[in-house]
């Protein structure tokens, strides 16, 4: 089954969906990021896979090392400082996979607008390096 290396909660969304958000969506995101990050569950890093629980239709998204093309933690045009908070601690974790970019906020603190994304970015980079 594999050893669990790390586990946390996430809210997430694909870049495609973030690109289609409306002005009303952005205003709602100013109140709560859950307005635009509608996928949520647990993220679990095993020694042999990364699992996003409940990613789609209550199904888990299971990623192997070869499925993840890149990992970065940064603000982008799709999710910038205005929505993500003025602190660098609010940058999203972005995983590039075969046909999508996945934007994740790991253990996001609503009031503080902080995440554990930098920590998780390092964990995933180390995991990818094997």
Protein backbone atom coordinates (compact mmCIF):
# COMPACT_ATOMS: atom_id res chain seq x y z
CA UNK A 1 0.00 0.00 0.00
CA UNK A 2 2.95 2.37 0.55
CA UNK A 3 4.16 4.42 3.47
CA UNK A 4 2.48 7.76 4.21
CA UNK A 5 5.05 10.56 4.08
CA UNK A 6 2.64 13.49 4.66
CA UNK A 7 -1.08 14.22 4.89
CA UNK A 8 -3.12 17.44 5.00
CA UNK A 9 -6.32 19.04 3.75
CA UNK A 10 -6.52 20.92 0.49
CA UNK A 11 -8.80 23.06 -1.62
CA UNK A 12 -8.01 22.97 -5.32
CA UNK A 13 -8.99 23.70 -8.88
CA UNK A 14 -7.67 23.31 -12.41
CA UNK A 15 -6.13 26.21 -14.31
CA UNK A 16 -8.83 25.82 -16.97
CA UNK A 17 -11.62 26.46 -14.47
CA UNK A 18 -9.74 29.35 -12.85
CA UNK A 19 -9.31 30.93 -16.29
CA UNK A 20 -13.09 30.89 -16.81
CA UNK A 21 -14.03 32.52 -13.53
CA UNK A 22 -16.19 35.62 -13.64
CA UNK A 23 -15.89 38.93 -11.84
CA UNK A 24 -18.51 37.71 -9.38
CA UNK A 25 -16.38 34.64 -8.68
CA UNK A 26 -13.40 36.87 -7.90
CA UNK A 27 -15.48 39.00 -5.53
CA UNK A 28 -16.74 35.87 -3.77
CA UNK A 29 -13.13 34.65 -3.51
CA UNK A 30 -12.33 37.83 -1.59
CA UNK A 31 -14.59 36.46 1.14
CA UNK A 32 -13.57 32.80 0.87
CA UNK A 33 -11.18 30.99 -1.46
CA UNK A 34 -13.60 28.06 -1.41
CA UNK A 35 -15.72 30.05 -3.89
CA UNK A 36 -13.19 29.37 -6.66
CA UNK A 37 -11.44 26.32 -5.22
CA UNK A 38 -14.40 23.97 -5.25
CA UNK A 39 -12.46 20.72 -5.13
CA UNK A 40 -11.53 19.76 -1.60
CA UNK A 41 -10.36 16.82 0.38
CA UNK A 42 -7.21 15.32 1.78
CA UNK A 43 -3.84 15.30 0.07
CA UNK A 44 -1.67 12.34 0.98
CA UNK A 45 1.90 11.82 -0.15
CA UNK A 46 2.95 8.17 -0.12
CA UNK A 47 6.38 6.90 -1.01
CA UNK A 48 5.01 5.73 -4.38
CA UNK A 49 2.14 8.13 -5.20
CA UNK A 50 0.42 11.44 -4.46
CA UNK A 51 -3.32 11.22 -3.83
CA UNK A 52 -5.83 14.07 -3.96
CA UNK A 53 -8.88 12.68 -2.19
CA UNK A 54 -12.31 13.53 -3.63
CA UNK A 55 -10.80 15.36 -6.59
CA UNK A 56 -13.64 14.58 -8.97
CA UNK A 57 -17.09 13.12 -8.44
CA UNK A 58 -15.94 11.68 -5.11
CA UNK A 59 -13.09 9.88 -6.87
CA UNK A 60 -9.48 10.28 -5.82
CA UNK A 61 -6.86 11.56 -8.25
CA UNK A 62 -3.82 9.32 -7.97
CA UNK A 63 -0.55 10.67 -9.37
CA UNK A 64 2.65 8.69 -9.81
CA UNK A 65 6.03 10.38 -10.14
CA UNK A 66 5.91 10.08 -13.93
CA UNK A 67 2.52 11.87 -13.98
CA UNK A 68 3.88 15.08 -12.45
CA UNK A 69 5.81 17.20 -14.96
CA UNK A 70 6.58 20.11 -12.63
CA UNK A 71 5.84 21.62 -9.26
CA UNK A 72 6.02 25.27 -8.30
CA UNK A 73 4.72 27.65 -5.65
CA UNK A 74 3.95 31.06 -7.09
CA UNK A 75 1.31 33.64 -7.83
CA UNK A 76 0.18 33.66 -11.47
CA UNK A 77 -2.21 35.57 -13.65
CA UNK A 78 -4.90 33.06 -12.69
CA UNK A 79 -4.31 33.35 -8.95
CA UNK A 80 -2.43 36.44 -7.88
CA UNK A 81 -1.81 38.55 -4.80
CA UNK A 82 -5.16 40.33 -5.04
CA UNK A 83 -7.05 37.07 -4.56
CA UNK A 84 -4.43 35.03 -2.73
CA UNK A 85 -3.48 37.56 -0.12
CA UNK A 86 -0.66 40.02 0.11
CA UNK A 87 1.58 37.64 2.03
CA UNK A 88 3.92 35.31 0.18
CA UNK A 89 2.48 32.59 2.43
CA UNK A 90 -0.66 32.54 0.24
CA UNK A 91 1.01 31.41 -2.99
CA UNK A 92 -0.64 28.34 -4.53
CA UNK A 93 1.06 25.00 -5.06
CA UNK A 94 0.81 24.29 -8.79
CA UNK A 95 1.27 20.79 -10.14
CA UNK A 96 1.61 20.38 -13.89
CA UNK A 97 0.29 16.99 -14.96
CA UNK A 98 -0.33 15.44 -18.40
CA UNK A 99 -3.18 17.67 -19.55
CA UNK A 100 -3.74 20.18 -16.77
CA UNK A 101 -2.32 22.46 -14.14
CA UNK A 102 -3.68 21.81 -10.67
CA UNK A 103 -3.81 24.75 -8.25
CA UNK A 104 -3.81 23.70 -4.60
CA UNK A 105 -4.03 25.49 -1.28
CA UNK A 106 -2.80 23.13 1.42
CA UNK A 107 -3.99 23.60 5.02
CA UNK A 108 -5.17 27.13 4.19
CA UNK A 109 -5.98 29.32 7.17
CA UNK A 110 -8.93 31.44 6.05
CA UNK A 111 -8.38 34.42 8.35
CA UNK A 112 -4.58 34.50 8.10
CA UNK A 113 -4.53 33.73 4.35
CA UNK A 114 -1.61 31.37 4.87
CA UNK A 115 -1.00 27.90 3.49
CA UNK A 116 1.52 25.10 3.87
CA UNK A 117 2.16 25.21 0.11
CA UNK A 118 5.88 26.06 0.31
CA UNK A 119 6.42 23.11 2.65
CA UNK A 120 4.40 20.81 0.38
CA UNK A 121 6.21 22.12 -2.70
CA UNK A 122 9.50 21.01 -1.15
CA UNK A 123 7.99 17.64 -0.13
CA UNK A 124 6.77 16.99 -3.68
CA UNK A 125 10.07 18.12 -5.24
CA UNK A 126 11.99 15.76 -2.96
CA UNK A 127 9.52 12.96 -3.75
CA UNK A 128 9.90 13.53 -7.49
CA UNK A 129 13.68 13.37 -7.13
CA UNK A 130 13.11 9.92 -5.62
